[in-house]
C-alpha atoms as a PDB file:
ATOM      1  CA  MET A   1      12.100 -25.121  -8.227  1.00  0.00           C
ATOM      2  CA  GLN A   2      13.627 -22.191  -6.351  1.00  0.00           C
ATOM      3  CA  GLU A   3      14.750 -22.603  -2.742  1.00  0.00           C
ATOM      4  CA  ILE A   4      12.212 -21.738  -0.066  1.00  0.00           C
ATOM      5  CA  TRP A   5      13.304 -20.703   3.418  1.00  0.00           C
ATOM      6  CA  ILE A   6      11.070 -20.062   6.396  1.00  0.00           C
ATOM      7  CA  ASP A   7      11.693 -17.654   9.276  1.00  0.00           C
ATOM      8  CA  TYR A   8      11.215 -19.566  12.534  1.00  0.00           C
ATOM      9  CA  LEU A   9      10.724 -17.753  15.832  1.00  0.00           C
ATOM     10  CA  ASN A  10      10.237 -19.838  18.970  1.00  0.00           C
ATOM     11  CA  ALA A  11       9.049 -18.647  22.381  1.00  0.00           C
ATOM     12  CA  LEU A  12      12.558 -17.667  23.463  1.00  0.00           C
ATOM     13  CA  ASP A  13      13.015 -15.636  20.284  1.00  0.00           C
ATOM     14  CA  ALA A  14       9.684 -13.889  20.802  1.00  0.00           C
ATOM     15  CA  LYS A  15      10.746 -12.939  24.324  1.00  0.00           C
ATOM     16  CA  ALA A  16      14.162 -11.726  23.154  1.00  0.00           C
ATOM     17  CA  LEU A  17      12.517  -9.348  20.683  1.00  0.00           C
ATOM     18  CA  ALA A  18      11.079  -7.466  23.680  1.00  0.00           C
ATOM     19  CA  LEU A  19       8.471  -5.611  21.656  1.00  0.00           C
ATOM     20  CA  THR A  20       7.678  -2.284  23.291  1.00  0.00           C
ATOM     21  CA  ASN A  21       4.182  -1.146  24.199  1.00  0.00           C
ATOM     22  CA  ASP A  22       4.187   1.290  21.307  1.00  0.00           C
ATOM     23  CA  GLU A  23       5.470  -1.301  18.811  1.00  0.00           C
ATOM     24  CA  ILE A  24       2.623  -3.632  19.762  1.00  0.00           C
ATOM     25  CA  LEU A  25      -0.025  -0.916  19.614  1.00  0.00           C
ATOM     26  CA  ASP A  26       1.286   0.422  16.310  1.00  0.00           C
ATOM     27  CA  ALA A  27       1.249  -2.993  14.606  1.00  0.00           C
ATOM     28  CA  VAL A  28      -2.266  -3.811  15.784  1.00  0.00           C
ATOM     29  CA  SER A  29      -3.521  -0.312  14.944  1.00  0.00           C
ATOM     30  CA  LYS A  30      -2.345  -0.775  11.350  1.00  0.00           C
ATOM     31  CA  ALA A  31      -4.342  -4.000  11.080  1.00  0.00           C
ATOM     32  CA  LEU A  32      -7.480  -2.333  12.456  1.00  0.00           C
ATOM     33  CA  ASP A  33      -7.059   0.625  10.119  1.00  0.00           C
ATOM     34  CA  ALA A  34      -6.709  -1.729   7.145  1.00  0.00           C
ATOM     35  CA  GLN A  35      -9.821  -3.622   8.223  1.00  0.00           C
ATOM     36  CA  GLY A  36     -11.807  -0.396   8.408  1.00  0.00           C
ATOM     37  CA  ARG A  37     -10.714   0.479   4.886  1.00  0.00           C
ATOM     38  CA  GLY A  38     -11.770  -2.903   3.538  1.00  0.00           C
ATOM     39  CA  GLU A  39      -8.209  -4.036   2.849  1.00  0.00           C
ATOM     40  CA  THR A  40      -8.294  -7.264   4.828  1.00  0.00           C
ATOM     41  CA  VAL A  41      -9.930 -10.666   4.673  1.00  0.00           C
ATOM     42  CA  ILE A  42     -11.120 -12.103   7.983  1.00  0.00           C
ATOM     43  CA  GLU A  43     -12.507 -15.608   7.872  1.00  0.00           C
ATOM     44  CA  PRO A  44     -14.686 -16.447  10.886  1.00  0.00           C
ATOM     45  CA  ARG A  45     -12.776 -18.562  13.350  1.00  0.00           C
ATOM     46  CA  VAL A  46     -13.518 -22.243  13.583  1.00  0.00           C
ATOM     47  CA  HIS A  47     -13.175 -24.487  16.620  1.00  0.00           C
ATOM     48  CA  LEU A  48     -11.922 -27.965  17.273  1.00  0.00           C
ATOM     49  CA  VAL A  49     -13.274 -29.388  20.528  1.00  0.00           C
ATOM     50  CA  PRO A  50     -11.531 -32.700  21.344  1.00  0.00           C
ATOM     51  CA  GLU A  51     -13.879 -33.672  24.168  1.00  0.00           C
ATOM     52  CA  SER A  52     -15.851 -30.835  25.782  1.00  0.00           C
ATOM     53  CA  SER A  53     -15.494 -27.061  25.714  1.00  0.00           C
ATOM     54  CA  ASP A  54     -15.282 -26.790  29.510  1.00  0.00           C
ATOM     55  CA  LYS A  55     -11.973 -28.717  29.338  1.00  0.00           C
ATOM     56  CA  GLY A  56     -10.610 -26.813  26.368  1.00  0.00           C
ATOM     57  CA  HIS A  57     -10.635 -26.378  22.624  1.00  0.00           C
ATOM     58  CA  PHE A  58      -8.617 -25.126  19.673  1.00  0.00           C
ATOM     59  CA  ASN A  59      -9.359 -21.871  17.845  1.00  0.00           C
ATOM     60  CA  VAL A  60      -8.318 -21.636  14.189  1.00  0.00           C
ATOM     61  CA  LEU A  61      -8.044 -18.070  12.871  1.00  0.00           C
ATOM     62  CA  ARG A  62      -7.412 -17.115   9.250  1.00  0.00           C
ATOM     63  CA  GLY A  63      -6.733 -13.696   7.784  1.00  0.00           C
ATOM     64  CA  TYR A  64      -5.080 -11.520   5.137  1.00  0.00           C
ATOM     65  CA  VAL A  65      -3.714  -7.968   5.370  1.00  0.00           C
ATOM     66  CA  LYS A  66      -3.123  -6.401   1.969  1.00  0.00           C
ATOM     67  CA  ALA A  67      -0.721  -3.680   3.127  1.00  0.00           C
ATOM     68  CA  LEU A  68       1.574  -6.255   4.749  1.00  0.00           C
ATOM     69  CA  ASN A  69       1.424  -8.721   1.832  1.00  0.00           C
ATOM     70  CA  TYR A  70       0.837 -11.586   4.258  1.00  0.00           C
ATOM     71  CA  ALA A  71      -1.871 -14.155   4.779  1.00  0.00           C
ATOM     72  CA  GLY A  72      -1.849 -16.096   8.011  1.00  0.00           C
ATOM     73  CA  VAL A  73      -3.343 -19.002   9.911  1.00  0.00           C
ATOM     74  CA  LYS A  74      -3.095 -19.279  13.685  1.00  0.00           C
ATOM     75  CA  VAL A  75      -4.003 -22.328  15.745  1.00  0.00           C
ATOM     76  CA  VAL A  76      -4.337 -21.645  19.467  1.00  0.00           C
ATOM     77  CA  GLY A  77      -5.265 -24.109  22.163  1.00  0.00           C
ATOM     78  CA  ASP A  78      -7.279 -22.841  25.124  1.00  0.00           C
ATOM     79  CA  PHE A  79      -7.198 -25.358  27.991  1.00  0.00           C
ATOM     80  CA  VAL A  80      -8.309 -24.120  31.375  1.00  0.00           C
ATOM     81  CA  ASP A  81      -6.532 -26.725  33.547  1.00  0.00           C
ATOM     82  CA  ASN A  82      -3.077 -26.315  32.018  1.00  0.00           C
ATOM     83  CA  TYR A  83      -1.850 -24.595  35.189  1.00  0.00           C
ATOM     84  CA  LYS A  84      -1.998 -28.024  36.865  1.00  0.00           C
ATOM     85  CA  VAL A  85       0.817 -29.231  34.586  1.00  0.00           C
ATOM     86  CA  ASP A  86       2.762 -25.948  34.650  1.00  0.00           C
ATOM     87  CA  LEU A  87       1.649 -24.746  31.236  1.00  0.00           C
ATOM     88  CA  PRO A  88      -0.117 -21.556  30.151  1.00  0.00           C
ATOM     89  CA  SER A  89      -3.778 -21.983  29.293  1.00  0.00           C
ATOM     90  CA  GLU A  90      -3.159 -20.781  25.751  1.00  0.00           C
ATOM     91  CA  LEU A  91      -0.426 -22.084  23.417  1.00  0.00           C
ATOM     92  CA  ALA A  92      -0.365 -21.071  19.771  1.00  0.00           C
ATOM     93  CA  VAL A  93       1.423 -21.303  16.427  1.00  0.00           C
ATOM     94  CA  LEU A  94       1.136 -18.713  13.640  1.00  0.00           C
ATOM     95  CA  ASN A  95       1.974 -19.550  10.017  1.00  0.00           C
ATOM     96  CA  LEU A  96       2.516 -16.660   7.581  1.00  0.00           C
ATOM     97  CA  PHE A  97       2.218 -17.111   3.812  1.00  0.00           C
ATOM     98  CA  ASP A  98       2.829 -15.137   0.636  1.00  0.00           C
ATOM     99  CA  PRO A  99      -0.746 -14.386  -0.521  1.00  0.00           C
ATOM    100  CA  ASN A 100       0.339 -14.276  -4.181  1.00  0.00           C
ATOM    101  CA  THR A 101       2.012 -17.686  -4.401  1.00  0.00           C
ATOM    102  CA  GLY A 102       1.054 -19.587  -1.243  1.00  0.00           C
ATOM    103  CA  VAL A 103       4.720 -19.926  -0.273  1.00  0.00           C
ATOM    104  CA  PRO A 104       5.117 -20.342   3.505  1.00  0.00           C
ATOM    105  CA  LYS A 105       7.128 -17.422   4.905  1.00  0.00           C
ATOM    106  CA  ALA A 106       7.258 -17.825   8.686  1.00  0.00           C
ATOM    107  CA  ILE A 107       6.415 -20.097  11.620  1.00  0.00           C
ATOM    108  CA  ILE A 108       6.096 -18.204  14.874  1.00  0.00           C
ATOM    109  CA  ASP A 109       5.346 -19.163  18.455  1.00  0.00           C
ATOM    110  CA  ALA A 110       2.140 -17.154  18.766  1.00  0.00           C
ATOM    111  CA  THR A 111       1.406 -17.649  22.446  1.00  0.00           C
ATOM    112  CA  ALA A 112       2.822 -14.214  23.209  1.00  0.00           C
ATOM    113  CA  ILE A 113       1.239 -12.805  20.033  1.00  0.00           C
ATOM    114  CA  THR A 114      -2.201 -13.954  21.179  1.00  0.00           C
ATOM    115  CA  ASP A 115      -1.731 -12.279  24.543  1.00  0.00           C
ATOM    116  CA  MET A 116      -0.226  -9.063  23.178  1.00  0.00           C
ATOM    117  CA  ARG A 117      -2.651  -8.491  20.325  1.00  0.00           C
ATOM    118  CA  THR A 118      -5.635  -9.145  22.574  1.00  0.00           C
ATOM    119  CA  GLY A 119      -4.375  -6.610  25.083  1.00  0.00           C
ATOM    120  CA  ALA A 120      -3.669  -4.173  22.273  1.00  0.00           C
ATOM    121  CA  VAL A 121      -7.212  -4.451  20.880  1.00  0.00           C
ATOM    122  CA  THR A 122      -8.606  -3.854  24.386  1.00  0.00           C
ATOM    123  CA  ALA A 123      -6.338  -0.822  24.821  1.00  0.00           C
ATOM    124  CA  LEU A 124      -7.014   0.612  21.371  1.00  0.00           C
ATOM    125  CA  GLY A 125     -10.722   0.153  21.954  1.00  0.00           C
ATOM    126  CA  ALA A 126     -10.327   2.232  25.111  1.00  0.00           C
ATOM    127  CA  LYS A 127      -8.276   4.840  23.241  1.00  0.00           C
ATOM    128  CA  TYR A 128     -11.241   5.565  20.986  1.00  0.00           C
ATOM    129  CA  LEU A 129     -14.176   4.631  23.222  1.00  0.00           C
ATOM    130  CA  ALA A 130     -13.297   5.326  26.880  1.00  0.00           C
ATOM    131  CA  ARG A 131     -13.343   8.702  28.578  1.00  0.00           C
ATOM    132  CA  LYS A 132      -9.970  10.416  28.263  1.00  0.00           C
ATOM    133  CA  ASP A 133      -9.930  11.074  32.010  1.00  0.00           C
ATOM    134  CA  SER A 134     -10.497   7.408  32.970  1.00  0.00           C
ATOM    135  CA  LYS A 135      -8.552   6.763  36.180  1.00  0.00           C
ATOM    136  CA  ILE A 136      -9.980   3.539  37.671  1.00  0.00           C
ATOM    137  CA  LEU A 137      -9.592   0.150  35.997  1.00  0.00           C
ATOM    138  CA  GLY A 138     -11.439  -2.950  37.167  1.00  0.00           C
ATOM    139  CA  HIS A 139     -10.199  -6.200  35.609  1.00  0.00           C
ATOM    140  CA  ILE A 140     -11.644  -9.704  35.995  1.00  0.00           C
ATOM    141  CA  GLY A 141      -9.328 -12.548  34.984  1.00  0.00           C
ATOM    142  CA  ALA A 142      -5.638 -13.294  35.268  1.00  0.00           C
ATOM    143  CA  ARG A 143      -4.821 -15.326  32.139  1.00  0.00           C
ATOM    144  CA  GLY A 144      -2.080 -14.295  29.714  1.00  0.00           C
ATOM    145  CA  THR A 145      -4.167 -11.815  27.783  1.00  0.00           C
ATOM    146  CA  SER A 146      -5.117 -10.107  31.047  1.00  0.00           C
ATOM    147  CA  TYR A 147      -1.556  -8.984  31.705  1.00  0.00           C
ATOM    148  CA  TRP A 148      -1.391  -7.177  28.375  1.00  0.00           C
ATOM    149  CA  ASN A 149      -4.846  -5.688  28.875  1.00  0.00           C
ATOM    150  CA  VAL A 150      -3.693  -3.995  32.069  1.00  0.00           C
ATOM    151  CA  ARG A 151      -0.197  -3.138  30.884  1.00  0.00           C
ATOM    152  CA  LEU A 152      -1.283  -1.511  27.625  1.00  0.00           C
ATOM    153  CA  LEU A 153      -4.323   0.202  29.118  1.00  0.00           C
ATOM    154  CA  ASP A 154      -2.165   1.719  31.833  1.00  0.00           C
ATOM    155  CA  HIS A 155       0.364   2.778  29.196  1.00  0.00           C
ATOM    156  CA  LEU A 156      -2.366   4.868  27.575  1.00  0.00           C
ATOM    157  CA  PHE A 157      -4.273   6.077  30.657  1.00  0.00           C
ATOM    158  CA  ASP A 158      -1.818   6.063  33.615  1.00  0.00           C
ATOM    159  CA  PHE A 159      -4.481   4.911  36.080  1.00  0.00           C
ATOM    160  CA  ASP A 160      -4.735   6.091  39.679  1.00  0.00           C
ATOM    161  CA  GLU A 161      -6.313   2.801  40.725  1.00  0.00           C
ATOM    162  CA  ILE A 162      -6.090  -0.714  39.262  1.00  0.00           C
ATOM    163  CA  ARG A 163      -8.257  -3.479  40.742  1.00  0.00           C
ATOM    164  CA  VAL A 164      -7.978  -7.144  39.758  1.00  0.00           C
ATOM    165  CA  HIS A 165      -9.852 -10.324  40.571  1.00  0.00           C
ATOM    166  CA  SER A 166      -9.548 -13.969  39.605  1.00  0.00           C
ATOM    167  CA  ARG A 167     -11.266 -17.053  40.982  1.00  0.00           C
ATOM    168  CA  ARG A 168      -8.148 -18.647  42.468  1.00  0.00           C
ATOM    169  CA  PRO A 169      -6.354 -16.587  45.180  1.00  0.00           C
ATOM    170  CA  GLU A 170      -2.924 -17.802  44.079  1.00  0.00           C
ATOM    171  CA  SER A 171      -3.667 -16.760  40.507  1.00  0.00           C
ATOM    172  CA  ARG A 172      -4.846 -13.230  41.336  1.00  0.00           C
ATOM    173  CA  ASP A 173      -2.023 -12.676  43.819  1.00  0.00           C
ATOM    174  CA  ALA A 174       0.624 -13.762  41.307  1.00  0.00           C
ATOM    175  CA  PHE A 175      -1.023 -11.590  38.657  1.00  0.00           C
ATOM    176  CA  ALA A 176      -0.863  -8.553  40.932  1.00  0.00           C
ATOM    177  CA  ARG A 177       2.781  -9.185  41.825  1.00  0.00           C
ATOM    178  CA  ARG A 178       3.751  -9.392  38.172  1.00  0.00           C
ATOM    179  CA  LEU A 179       1.923  -6.179  37.329  1.00  0.00           C
ATOM    180  CA  GLU A 180       3.413  -4.325  40.291  1.00  0.00           C
ATOM    181  CA  ALA A 181       6.914  -5.368  39.256  1.00  0.00           C
ATOM    182  CA  ASP A 182       6.425  -4.407  35.618  1.00  0.00           C
ATOM    183  CA  ILE A 183       4.382  -1.196  35.761  1.00  0.00           C
ATOM    184  CA  GLY A 184       5.521   0.047  39.147  1.00  0.00           C
ATOM    185  CA  LYS A 185       2.107   0.600  40.709  1.00  0.00           C
ATOM    186  CA  LYS A 186       0.208  -0.833  43.642  1.00  0.00           C
ATOM    187  CA  ILE A 187      -2.447  -3.279  42.433  1.00  0.00           C
ATOM    188  CA  ILE A 188      -5.608  -3.765  44.498  1.00  0.00           C
ATOM    189  CA  VAL A 189      -6.472  -7.470  44.715  1.00  0.00           C
ATOM    190  CA  THR A 190     -10.155  -8.162  45.345  1.00  0.00           C
ATOM    191  CA  ASP A 191     -11.825 -11.407  46.372  1.00  0.00           C
ATOM    192  CA  ASN A 192     -15.120 -10.736  44.583  1.00  0.00           C
ATOM    193  CA  TRP A 193     -16.449  -9.308  41.328  1.00  0.00           C
ATOM    194  CA  GLN A 194     -18.324  -6.364  42.836  1.00  0.00           C
ATOM    195  CA  ASP A 195     -15.355  -4.833  44.642  1.00  0.00           C
ATOM    196  CA  CYS A 196     -13.307  -5.187  41.484  1.00  0.00           C
ATOM    197  CA  LEU A 197     -15.754  -3.713  38.998  1.00  0.00           C
ATOM    198  CA  LYS A 198     -18.320  -1.444  40.645  1.00  0.00           C
ATOM    199  CA  GLY A 199     -17.846   2.199  39.710  1.00  0.00           C
ATOM    200  CA  ALA A 200     -14.706   1.678  37.606  1.00  0.00           C
ATOM    201  CA  ASP A 201     -14.171   3.926  34.579  1.00  0.00           C
ATOM    202  CA  ILE A 202     -12.969   0.990  32.481  1.00  0.00           C
ATOM    203  CA  MET A 203     -14.338  -2.485  33.217  1.00  0.00           C
ATOM    204  CA  VAL A 204     -12.707  -5.512  31.570  1.00  0.00           C
ATOM    205  CA  GLU A 205     -14.103  -9.023  31.958  1.00  0.00           C
ATOM    206  CA  ALA A 206     -11.817 -11.835  30.792  1.00  0.00           C
ATOM    207  CA  SER A 207     -13.146 -14.654  32.955  1.00  0.00           C
ATOM    208  CA  ARG A 208     -12.834 -18.389  32.342  1.00  0.00           C
ATOM    209  CA  LEU A 209     -16.283 -19.725  33.192  1.00  0.00           C
ATOM    210  CA  PRO A 210     -17.253 -23.364  32.449  1.00  0.00           C
ATOM    211  CA  GLU A 211     -20.748 -22.185  31.467  1.00  0.00           C
ATOM    212  CA  PRO A 212     -22.614 -18.868  31.180  1.00  0.00           C
ATOM    213  CA  ALA A 213     -23.342 -17.209  34.552  1.00  0.00           C
ATOM    214  CA  PRO A 214     -24.532 -13.613  35.215  1.00  0.00           C
ATOM    215  CA  LEU A 215     -21.718 -12.580  37.567  1.00  0.00           C
ATOM    216  CA  PHE A 216     -21.174  -9.128  35.996  1.00  0.00           C
ATOM    217  CA  LYS A 217     -24.031  -7.018  37.341  1.00  0.00           C
ATOM    218  CA  THR A 218     -25.500  -4.251  35.207  1.00  0.00           C
ATOM    219  CA  GLU A 219     -26.052  -2.076  38.291  1.00  0.00           C
ATOM    220  CA  TRP A 220     -22.283  -1.789  38.813  1.00  0.00           C
ATOM    221  CA  VAL A 221     -21.811   0.151  35.557  1.00  0.00           C
ATOM    222  CA  LYS A 222     -21.769   3.901  36.050  1.00  0.00           C
ATOM    223  CA  LYS A 223     -22.789   6.436  33.431  1.00  0.00           C
ATOM    224  CA  GLY A 224     -19.929   7.108  31.013  1.00  0.00           C
ATOM    225  CA  ALA A 225     -18.088   3.848  31.716  1.00  0.00           C
ATOM    226  CA  PHE A 226     -16.360   1.720  29.095  1.00  0.00           C
ATOM    227  CA  VAL A 227     -17.069  -2.013  29.322  1.00  0.00           C
ATOM    228  CA  VAL A 228     -15.049  -4.757  27.620  1.00  0.00           C
ATOM    229  CA  PRO A 229     -16.406  -8.302  28.123  1.00  0.00           C
ATOM    230  CA  TYR A 230     -14.693 -11.076  26.191  1.00  0.00           C
ATOM    231  CA  GLY A 231     -14.877 -14.265  28.222  1.00  0.00           C
ATOM    232  CA  THR A 232     -15.496 -17.429  26.215  1.00  0.00           C
ATOM    233  CA  MET A 233     -18.657 -18.010  28.248  1.00  0.00           C
ATOM    234  CA  SER A 234     -20.850 -15.004  29.003  1.00  0.00           C
ATOM    235  CA  ALA A 235     -20.693 -13.506  32.498  1.00  0.00           C
ATOM    236  CA  LEU A 236     -23.180 -10.727  31.682  1.00  0.00           C
ATOM    237  CA  GLU A 237     -26.718 -10.012  32.749  1.00  0.00           C
ATOM    238  CA  PHE A 238     -29.020  -9.898  29.764  1.00  0.00           C
ATOM    239  CA  ASP A 239     -30.041  -6.276  30.333  1.00  0.00           C
ATOM    240  CA  LEU A 240     -26.474  -4.911  30.195  1.00  0.00           C
ATOM    241  CA  THR A 241     -26.803  -3.784  26.595  1.00  0.00           C
ATOM    242  CA  ASP A 242     -29.979  -1.844  27.485  1.00  0.00           C
ATOM    243  CA  ILE A 243     -27.905   0.825  29.266  1.00  0.00           C
ATOM    244  CA  MET A 244     -25.350   1.152  26.472  1.00  0.00           C
ATOM    245  CA  ASP A 245     -25.307   4.175  24.185  1.00  0.00           C
ATOM    246  CA  LYS A 246     -23.045   2.342  21.766  1.00  0.00           C
ATOM    247  CA  VAL A 247     -22.093  -1.278  21.193  1.00  0.00           C
ATOM    248  CA  VAL A 248     -18.931  -1.878  19.142  1.00  0.00           C
ATOM    249  CA  VAL A 249     -17.415  -5.198  18.019  1.00  0.00           C
ATOM    250  CA  ASP A 250     -14.158  -6.174  16.380  1.00  0.00           C
ATOM    251  CA  ASP A 251     -15.758  -8.084  13.476  1.00  0.00           C
ATOM    252  CA  TRP A 252     -19.462  -8.708  12.991  1.00  0.00           C
ATOM    253  CA  GLY A 253     -18.670 -11.729  10.828  1.00  0.00           C
ATOM    254  CA  GLN A 254     -17.383 -13.493  13.933  1.00  0.00           C
ATOM    255  CA  CYS A 255     -19.946 -12.031  16.320  1.00  0.00           C
ATOM    256  CA  GLY A 256     -23.125 -12.540  14.275  1.00  0.00           C
ATOM    257  CA  PRO A 257     -25.901 -15.077  14.944  1.00  0.00           C
ATOM    258  CA  GLY A 258     -25.230 -18.784  15.020  1.00  0.00           C
ATOM    259  CA  LYS A 259     -21.591 -18.691  16.089  1.00  0.00           C
ATOM    260  CA  PRO A 260     -20.411 -20.525  19.225  1.00  0.00           C
ATOM    261  CA  PHE A 261     -19.211 -18.908  22.445  1.00  0.00           C
ATOM    262  CA  GLY A 262     -18.724 -15.287  23.391  1.00  0.00           C
ATOM    263  CA  ALA A 263     -19.785 -12.687  25.960  1.00  0.00           C
ATOM    264  CA  LEU A 264     -22.733 -11.400  23.908  1.00  0.00           C
ATOM    265  CA  ARG A 265     -23.704 -14.715  22.347  1.00  0.00           C
ATOM    266  CA  ARG A 266     -27.205 -14.765  23.847  1.00  0.00           C
ATOM    267  CA  HIS A 267     -27.705 -11.054  23.143  1.00  0.00           C
ATOM    268  CA  VAL A 268     -26.941 -11.625  19.464  1.00  0.00           C
ATOM    269  CA  ASP A 269     -28.784 -14.917  19.028  1.00  0.00           C
ATOM    270  CA  GLU A 270     -31.942 -13.520  20.639  1.00  0.00           C
ATOM    271  CA  GLY A 271     -31.845 -10.318  18.585  1.00  0.00           C
ATOM    272  CA  LYS A 272     -30.915  -7.801  21.268  1.00  0.00           C
ATOM    273  CA  VAL A 273     -27.685  -6.875  19.461  1.00  0.00           C
ATOM    274  CA  THR A 274     -27.997  -6.848  15.667  1.00  0.00           C
ATOM    275  CA  ALA A 275     -26.133  -5.617  12.619  1.00  0.00           C
ATOM    276  CA  GLU A 276     -28.695  -2.805  12.434  1.00  0.00           C
ATOM    277  CA  ASN A 277     -28.316  -1.461  15.992  1.00  0.00           C
ATOM    278  CA  LEU A 278     -24.561  -2.061  16.219  1.00  0.00           C
ATOM    279  CA  HIS A 279     -22.677   1.242  16.240  1.00  0.00           C
ATOM    280  CA  ALA A 280     -19.548   0.074  14.403  1.00  0.00           C
ATOM    281  CA  GLU A 281     -16.693  -2.335  14.059  1.00  0.00           C
ATOM    282  CA  ILE A 282     -13.574  -1.000  15.757  1.00  0.00           C
ATOM    283  CA  GLY A 283     -11.671  -0.818  12.458  1.00  0.00           C
ATOM    284  CA  GLN A 284     -14.240   1.625  11.088  1.00  0.00           C
ATOM    285  CA  ILE A 285     -13.545   3.869  14.066  1.00  0.00           C
ATOM    286  CA  VAL A 286      -9.761   3.563  13.866  1.00  0.00           C
ATOM    287  CA  CYS A 287      -9.719   4.538  10.173  1.00  0.00           C
ATOM    288  CA  GLY A 288     -12.052   7.489  10.806  1.00  0.00           C
ATOM    289  CA  MET A 289     -15.082   6.158   8.949  1.00  0.00           C
ATOM    290  CA  LYS A 290     -17.297   6.222  12.050  1.00  0.00           C
ATOM    291  CA  PRO A 291     -17.038   8.205  15.302  1.00  0.00           C
ATOM    292  CA  GLY A 292     -15.806   6.736  18.552  1.00  0.00           C
ATOM    293  CA  ARG A 293     -16.806   8.334  21.858  1.00  0.00           C
ATOM    294  CA  GLU A 294     -18.623  11.596  21.259  1.00  0.00           C
ATOM    295  CA  SER A 295     -19.320  12.696  24.840  1.00  0.00           C
ATOM    296  CA  ASP A 296     -18.273  11.905  28.412  1.00  0.00           C
ATOM    297  CA  GLU A 297     -21.849  10.796  29.155  1.00  0.00           C
ATOM    298  CA  GLU A 298     -21.855   7.892  26.718  1.00  0.00           C
ATOM    299  CA  THR A 299     -21.732   4.404  28.204  1.00  0.00           C
ATOM    300  CA  ILE A 300     -20.053   2.138  25.670  1.00  0.00           C
ATOM    301  CA  LEU A 301     -19.505  -1.607  25.335  1.00  0.00           C
ATOM    302  CA  PHE A 302     -16.801  -3.164  23.161  1.00  0.00           C
ATOM    303  CA  TRP A 303     -16.930  -6.901  22.453  1.00  0.00           C
ATOM    304  CA  HIS A 304     -13.926  -8.415  20.729  1.00  0.00           C
ATOM    305  CA  ARG A 305     -13.558 -12.067  19.851  1.00  0.00           C
ATOM    306  CA  GLY A 306     -10.063 -11.946  18.351  1.00  0.00           C
ATOM    307  CA  LEU A 307      -8.928 -10.862  14.903  1.00  0.00           C
ATOM    308  CA  SER A 308      -6.726 -13.035  12.730  1.00  0.00           C
ATOM    309  CA  THR A 309      -5.489  -9.876  11.023  1.00  0.00           C
ATOM    310  CA  THR A 310      -3.989  -8.577  14.264  1.00  0.00           C
ATOM    311  CA  ASP A 311      -2.130 -11.886  14.635  1.00  0.00           C
ATOM    312  CA  VAL A 312      -0.793 -11.458  11.095  1.00  0.00           C
ATOM    313  CA  ALA A 313       0.218  -7.837  11.714  1.00  0.00           C
ATOM    314  CA  LEU A 314       1.997  -8.551  14.975  1.00  0.00           C
ATOM    315  CA  GLY A 315       3.684 -11.615  13.492  1.00  0.00           C
ATOM    316  CA  ALA A 316       4.896  -9.529  10.557  1.00  0.00           C
ATOM    317  CA  ALA A 317       6.295  -6.917  12.955  1.00  0.00           C
ATOM    318  CA  MET A 318       8.124  -9.639  14.888  1.00  0.00           C
ATOM    319  CA  VAL A 319       9.653 -11.135  11.740  1.00  0.00           C
ATOM    320  CA  GLU A 320      10.868  -7.711  10.642  1.00  0.00           C
ATOM    321  CA  LYS A 321      12.412  -6.889  14.017  1.00  0.00           C
ATOM    322  CA  ALA A 322      13.948 -10.367  14.276  1.00  0.00           C
ATOM    323  CA  ARG A 323      15.755  -9.866  10.974  1.00  0.00           C
ATOM    324  CA  GLU A 324      17.077  -6.499  12.165  1.00  0.00           C
ATOM    325  CA  MET A 325      18.307  -8.052  15.438  1.00  0.00           C
ATOM    326  CA  ASN A 326      19.482 -11.339  13.873  1.00  0.00           C
ATOM    327  CA  ILE A 327      17.157 -13.346  16.117  1.00  0.00           C
ATOM    328  CA  GLY A 328      15.581 -16.689  15.200  1.00  0.00           C
ATOM    329  CA  GLN A 329      16.357 -19.390  12.676  1.00  0.00           C
ATOM    330  CA  ARG A 330      15.970 -19.907   8.949  1.00  0.00           C
ATOM    331  CA  LEU A 331      14.512 -23.314   8.065  1.00  0.00           C
ATOM    332  CA  ARG A 332      14.841 -24.939   4.639  1.00  0.00           C
ATOM    333  CA  PHE A 333      11.383 -25.816   3.309  1.00  0.00           C
ATOM    334  CA  ALA A 334      12.161 -26.700  -0.303  1.00  0.00           C
END
């Protein structure tokens, strides 16, 4: 049997790669474009819940991107109390494989990948679905993905005003300090949801609720706004989708009826959002198959649950850059 070697990138390697905003957006955009063209396989995520979902669970995501010649499986833990033991709430590992032979090709610390690709999907959704003149961002949540939401959105829109809120004061204050240091703008820290969200051009909800609770009020959404809710437990009022001109998802296979969790779970399970009244999947918009925003008056909602293909694409980009920079290790597998 021939020798098999695996590229291994740990968390320090991932940080040393220092992927730029544009490198992240480009990699994720390629995955979305491929999805829209039907050149991917996205298996619905599955969950492992050791005890109860309010403590935490594992997400297992599986996907294939033809253009990259990679299949991948990512396992990511999501444990809300990890801050108490000085750990991030989400820790992840991505395995990449040759889709023709099954040979393992790479093992990558995917904690940063999870954060970056989530922020990139939020930002790319806004690129196609938000008003071009959006100047106020309201963001609920301060977990790892939240940082990349704000950073990449601001990279595309150069906001005049950025408001953030999180349940714990120390969390939201630290989040604001990090953003101010990295993007060079004053961040408005709010102590309630209304002051953060009401009247914003782009409204992102990435909360960590133990159970569904209607904290995001429909009346706060102004005409023409772009709304991105993706908390594990829904924070939405049930009538929010009634004011939307378009509802877009990342992958209906993961958002459809009977799946656990998600911001629009009740809306889907009770038939308010269906495959028939859905405007599009984001990949169909990125590849040009369906239109994105068509007027400044449209109020649009984008629900994304996380695409395995974007993990694969970003992991592939990291492996390629690591080889160019001679970063990481090569592990003997066989």
